[in-house]
């Protein structure tokens, strides 16, 4: 019972954070890099993550696939 509530709570937090990140990316694309939603350069951080994945080739791609699957899988 406690574990199910914790999983539901963490899932809700993840969904909210993905929504906020999406909004931040769109706003930063529209208003440019000088616009900083919640004080964080989301597009710059995303670029850094993609560079790391690019440097690590297959391992980074595999990790990205697992993370994507975790985020979008059905409940």
N, C-alpha and C. Protein backbone atom coordinates (compact mmCIF):
# COMPACT_ATOMS: atom_id res chain seq x y z
N UNK A 1 0.81 -1.18 0.00
CA UNK A 1 0.00 0.00 0.00
C UNK A 1 0.87 1.26 0.00
N UNK A 2 1.81 1.33 0.91
CA UNK A 2 2.71 2.48 0.96
C UNK A 2 3.53 2.57 -0.32
N UNK A 3 3.99 1.42 -0.82
CA UNK A 3 4.81 1.41 -2.02
C UNK A 3 4.01 1.90 -3.23
N UNK A 4 2.76 1.50 -3.33
CA UNK A 4 1.92 1.96 -4.44
C UNK A 4 1.69 3.47 -4.38
N UNK A 5 1.48 4.00 -3.19
CA UNK A 5 1.30 5.45 -3.03
C UNK A 5 2.58 6.19 -3.40
N UNK A 6 3.71 5.65 -2.99
CA UNK A 6 4.99 6.27 -3.31
C UNK A 6 5.23 6.26 -4.82
N UNK A 7 4.94 5.14 -5.47
CA UNK A 7 5.10 5.05 -6.92
C UNK A 7 4.19 6.04 -7.64
N UNK A 8 2.97 6.17 -7.19
CA UNK A 8 2.02 7.11 -7.80
C UNK A 8 2.52 8.54 -7.60
N UNK A 9 3.01 8.84 -6.42
CA UNK A 9 3.51 10.18 -6.10
C UNK A 9 4.73 10.51 -6.98
N UNK A 10 5.65 9.57 -7.11
CA UNK A 10 6.84 9.80 -7.93
C UNK A 10 6.47 9.93 -9.41
N UNK A 11 5.49 9.16 -9.87
CA UNK A 11 5.02 9.26 -11.25
C UNK A 11 4.42 10.64 -11.52
N UNK A 12 3.65 11.14 -10.57
CA UNK A 12 3.06 12.47 -10.71
C UNK A 12 4.13 13.55 -10.76
N UNK A 13 5.14 13.42 -9.92
CA UNK A 13 6.24 14.38 -9.93
C UNK A 13 6.98 14.34 -11.27
N UNK A 14 7.21 13.14 -11.80
CA UNK A 14 7.89 13.00 -13.09
C UNK A 14 7.07 13.64 -14.20
N UNK A 15 5.76 13.39 -14.22
CA UNK A 15 4.91 13.99 -15.24
C UNK A 15 4.92 15.51 -15.15
N UNK A 16 4.87 16.04 -13.95
CA UNK A 16 4.90 17.48 -13.77
C UNK A 16 6.24 18.06 -14.22
N UNK A 17 7.33 17.39 -13.89
CA UNK A 17 8.65 17.91 -14.28
C UNK A 17 8.84 17.86 -15.79
N UNK A 18 8.31 16.84 -16.46
CA UNK A 18 8.40 16.78 -17.92
C UNK A 18 7.59 17.91 -18.54
N UNK A 19 6.42 18.19 -17.98
CA UNK A 19 5.59 19.29 -18.46
C UNK A 19 6.29 20.63 -18.29
N UNK A 20 6.87 20.86 -17.12
CA UNK A 20 7.57 22.12 -16.86
C UNK A 20 8.79 22.26 -17.78
N UNK A 21 9.51 21.15 -17.99
CA UNK A 21 10.67 21.20 -18.89
C UNK A 21 10.23 21.52 -20.32
N UNK A 22 9.13 20.94 -20.76
CA UNK A 22 8.62 21.22 -22.09
C UNK A 22 8.24 22.68 -22.25
N UNK A 23 7.56 23.22 -21.26
CA UNK A 23 7.18 24.64 -21.29
C UNK A 23 8.43 25.52 -21.31
N UNK A 24 9.41 25.16 -20.51
CA UNK A 24 10.64 25.95 -20.45
C UNK A 24 11.37 25.94 -21.79
N UNK A 25 11.40 24.78 -22.45
CA UNK A 25 12.07 24.68 -23.75
C UNK A 25 11.36 25.55 -24.78
N UNK A 26 10.04 25.46 -24.83
CA UNK A 26 9.27 26.26 -25.79
C UNK A 26 9.47 27.75 -25.54
N UNK A 27 9.40 28.17 -24.28
CA UNK A 27 9.58 29.59 -23.96
C UNK A 27 10.98 30.07 -24.32
N UNK A 28 11.97 29.23 -24.09
CA UNK A 28 13.34 29.64 -24.40
C UNK A 28 13.57 29.69 -25.91
N UNK A 29 12.90 28.83 -26.66
CA UNK A 29 13.01 28.88 -28.12
C UNK A 29 12.34 30.15 -28.65
N UNK A 30 11.19 30.49 -28.09
CA UNK A 30 10.45 31.67 -28.56
C UNK A 30 11.17 32.96 -28.18
N UNK A 31 11.61 33.08 -26.94
CA UNK A 31 12.18 34.34 -26.45
C UNK A 31 13.70 34.39 -26.45
N UNK A 32 14.37 33.33 -26.83
CA UNK A 32 15.82 33.32 -26.92
C UNK A 32 16.50 32.86 -25.63
N UNK A 33 17.80 32.72 -25.70
CA UNK A 33 18.57 32.20 -24.57
C UNK A 33 18.58 33.12 -23.36
N UNK A 34 18.32 34.38 -23.58
CA UNK A 34 18.31 35.32 -22.45
C UNK A 34 17.13 35.08 -21.53
N UNK A 35 16.06 34.50 -22.07
CA UNK A 35 14.89 34.19 -21.26
C UNK A 35 15.18 32.92 -20.48
N UNK A 36 15.10 33.01 -19.19
CA UNK A 36 15.42 31.88 -18.34
C UNK A 36 14.23 31.55 -17.45
N UNK A 37 13.54 30.48 -17.77
CA UNK A 37 12.38 30.04 -17.01
C UNK A 37 12.88 29.35 -15.74
N UNK A 38 12.47 29.78 -14.61
CA UNK A 38 12.88 29.31 -13.28
C UNK A 38 14.39 29.39 -13.05
N UNK A 39 15.07 30.27 -13.78
CA UNK A 39 16.48 30.51 -13.54
C UNK A 39 17.43 29.45 -14.08
N UNK A 40 16.96 28.60 -14.98
CA UNK A 40 17.79 27.52 -15.50
C UNK A 40 17.79 27.59 -17.03
N UNK A 41 18.96 27.42 -17.63
CA UNK A 41 19.07 27.37 -19.09
C UNK A 41 18.75 25.94 -19.55
N UNK A 42 17.48 25.67 -19.79
CA UNK A 42 17.04 24.32 -20.11
C UNK A 42 17.60 23.84 -21.45
N UNK A 43 17.55 24.71 -22.46
CA UNK A 43 18.05 24.33 -23.78
C UNK A 43 19.56 24.07 -23.72
N UNK A 44 20.29 24.89 -23.00
CA UNK A 44 21.73 24.68 -22.85
C UNK A 44 22.04 23.37 -22.14
N UNK A 45 21.28 23.06 -21.10
CA UNK A 45 21.48 21.80 -20.39
C UNK A 45 21.14 20.61 -21.27
N UNK A 46 20.09 20.74 -22.06
CA UNK A 46 19.72 19.67 -22.98
C UNK A 46 20.80 19.45 -24.03
N UNK A 47 21.37 20.53 -24.52
CA UNK A 47 22.48 20.43 -25.47
C UNK A 47 23.66 19.68 -24.86
N UNK A 48 23.98 19.99 -23.61
CA UNK A 48 25.09 19.30 -22.94
C UNK A 48 24.82 17.81 -22.80
N UNK A 49 23.59 17.46 -22.45
CA UNK A 49 23.23 16.05 -22.32
C UNK A 49 23.38 15.34 -23.65
N UNK A 50 22.91 15.97 -24.73
CA UNK A 50 23.02 15.36 -26.05
C UNK A 50 24.48 15.24 -26.50
N UNK A 51 25.33 16.18 -26.12
CA UNK A 51 26.75 16.08 -26.45
C UNK A 51 27.39 14.90 -25.73
N UNK A 52 27.04 14.71 -24.47
CA UNK A 52 27.58 13.58 -23.71
C UNK A 52 27.12 12.26 -24.34
N UNK A 53 25.86 12.21 -24.71
CA UNK A 53 25.34 11.00 -25.35
C UNK A 53 26.06 10.76 -26.67
N UNK A 54 26.32 11.82 -27.40
CA UNK A 54 27.04 11.70 -28.67
C UNK A 54 28.47 11.21 -28.49
N UNK A 55 29.12 11.62 -27.44
CA UNK A 55 30.50 11.19 -27.20
C UNK A 55 30.57 9.72 -26.78
N UNK A 56 29.55 9.27 -26.08
CA UNK A 56 29.56 7.89 -25.59
C UNK A 56 28.85 6.93 -26.53
N UNK A 57 28.43 7.39 -27.67
CA UNK A 57 27.82 6.60 -28.74
C UNK A 57 26.77 5.62 -28.26
N UNK A 58 27.05 4.35 -28.38
CA UNK A 58 26.06 3.31 -28.15
C UNK A 58 25.60 3.27 -26.70
N UNK A 59 26.50 3.45 -25.76
CA UNK A 59 26.12 3.42 -24.35
C UNK A 59 25.15 4.56 -24.04
N UNK A 60 25.43 5.72 -24.57
CA UNK A 60 24.54 6.86 -24.36
C UNK A 60 23.19 6.66 -25.02
N UNK A 61 23.19 6.09 -26.20
CA UNK A 61 21.93 5.83 -26.90
C UNK A 61 21.10 4.80 -26.15
N UNK A 62 21.75 3.77 -25.65
CA UNK A 62 21.06 2.74 -24.88
C UNK A 62 20.47 3.33 -23.60
N UNK A 63 21.23 4.17 -22.92
CA UNK A 63 20.74 4.83 -21.71
C UNK A 63 19.56 5.74 -22.02
N UNK A 64 19.63 6.49 -23.11
CA UNK A 64 18.54 7.35 -23.51
C UNK A 64 17.29 6.54 -23.82
N UNK A 65 17.45 5.40 -24.48
CA UNK A 65 16.30 4.54 -24.79
C UNK A 65 15.65 4.02 -23.52
N UNK A 66 16.43 3.62 -22.55
CA UNK A 66 15.88 3.12 -21.28
C UNK A 66 15.15 4.23 -20.54
N UNK A 67 15.74 5.41 -20.47
CA UNK A 67 15.09 6.53 -19.79
C UNK A 67 13.79 6.92 -20.49
N UNK A 68 13.80 6.93 -21.82
CA UNK A 68 12.58 7.25 -22.56
C UNK A 68 11.51 6.22 -22.31
N UNK A 69 11.89 4.96 -22.28
CA UNK A 69 10.93 3.89 -22.02
C UNK A 69 10.32 4.03 -20.63
N UNK A 70 11.14 4.38 -19.65
CA UNK A 70 10.64 4.55 -18.29
C UNK A 70 9.62 5.68 -18.23
N UNK A 71 9.90 6.76 -18.94
CA UNK A 71 9.02 7.93 -18.90
C UNK A 71 7.70 7.67 -19.61
N UNK A 72 7.73 7.02 -20.75
CA UNK A 72 6.51 6.92 -21.57
C UNK A 72 5.76 5.60 -21.43
N UNK A 73 6.28 4.66 -20.72
CA UNK A 73 5.61 3.36 -20.63
C UNK A 73 4.23 3.48 -19.99
N UNK A 74 3.40 2.55 -20.32
CA UNK A 74 2.04 2.57 -19.80
C UNK A 74 2.05 2.13 -18.34
N UNK A 75 1.11 2.65 -17.61
CA UNK A 75 1.05 2.34 -16.19
C UNK A 75 0.36 1.05 -15.97
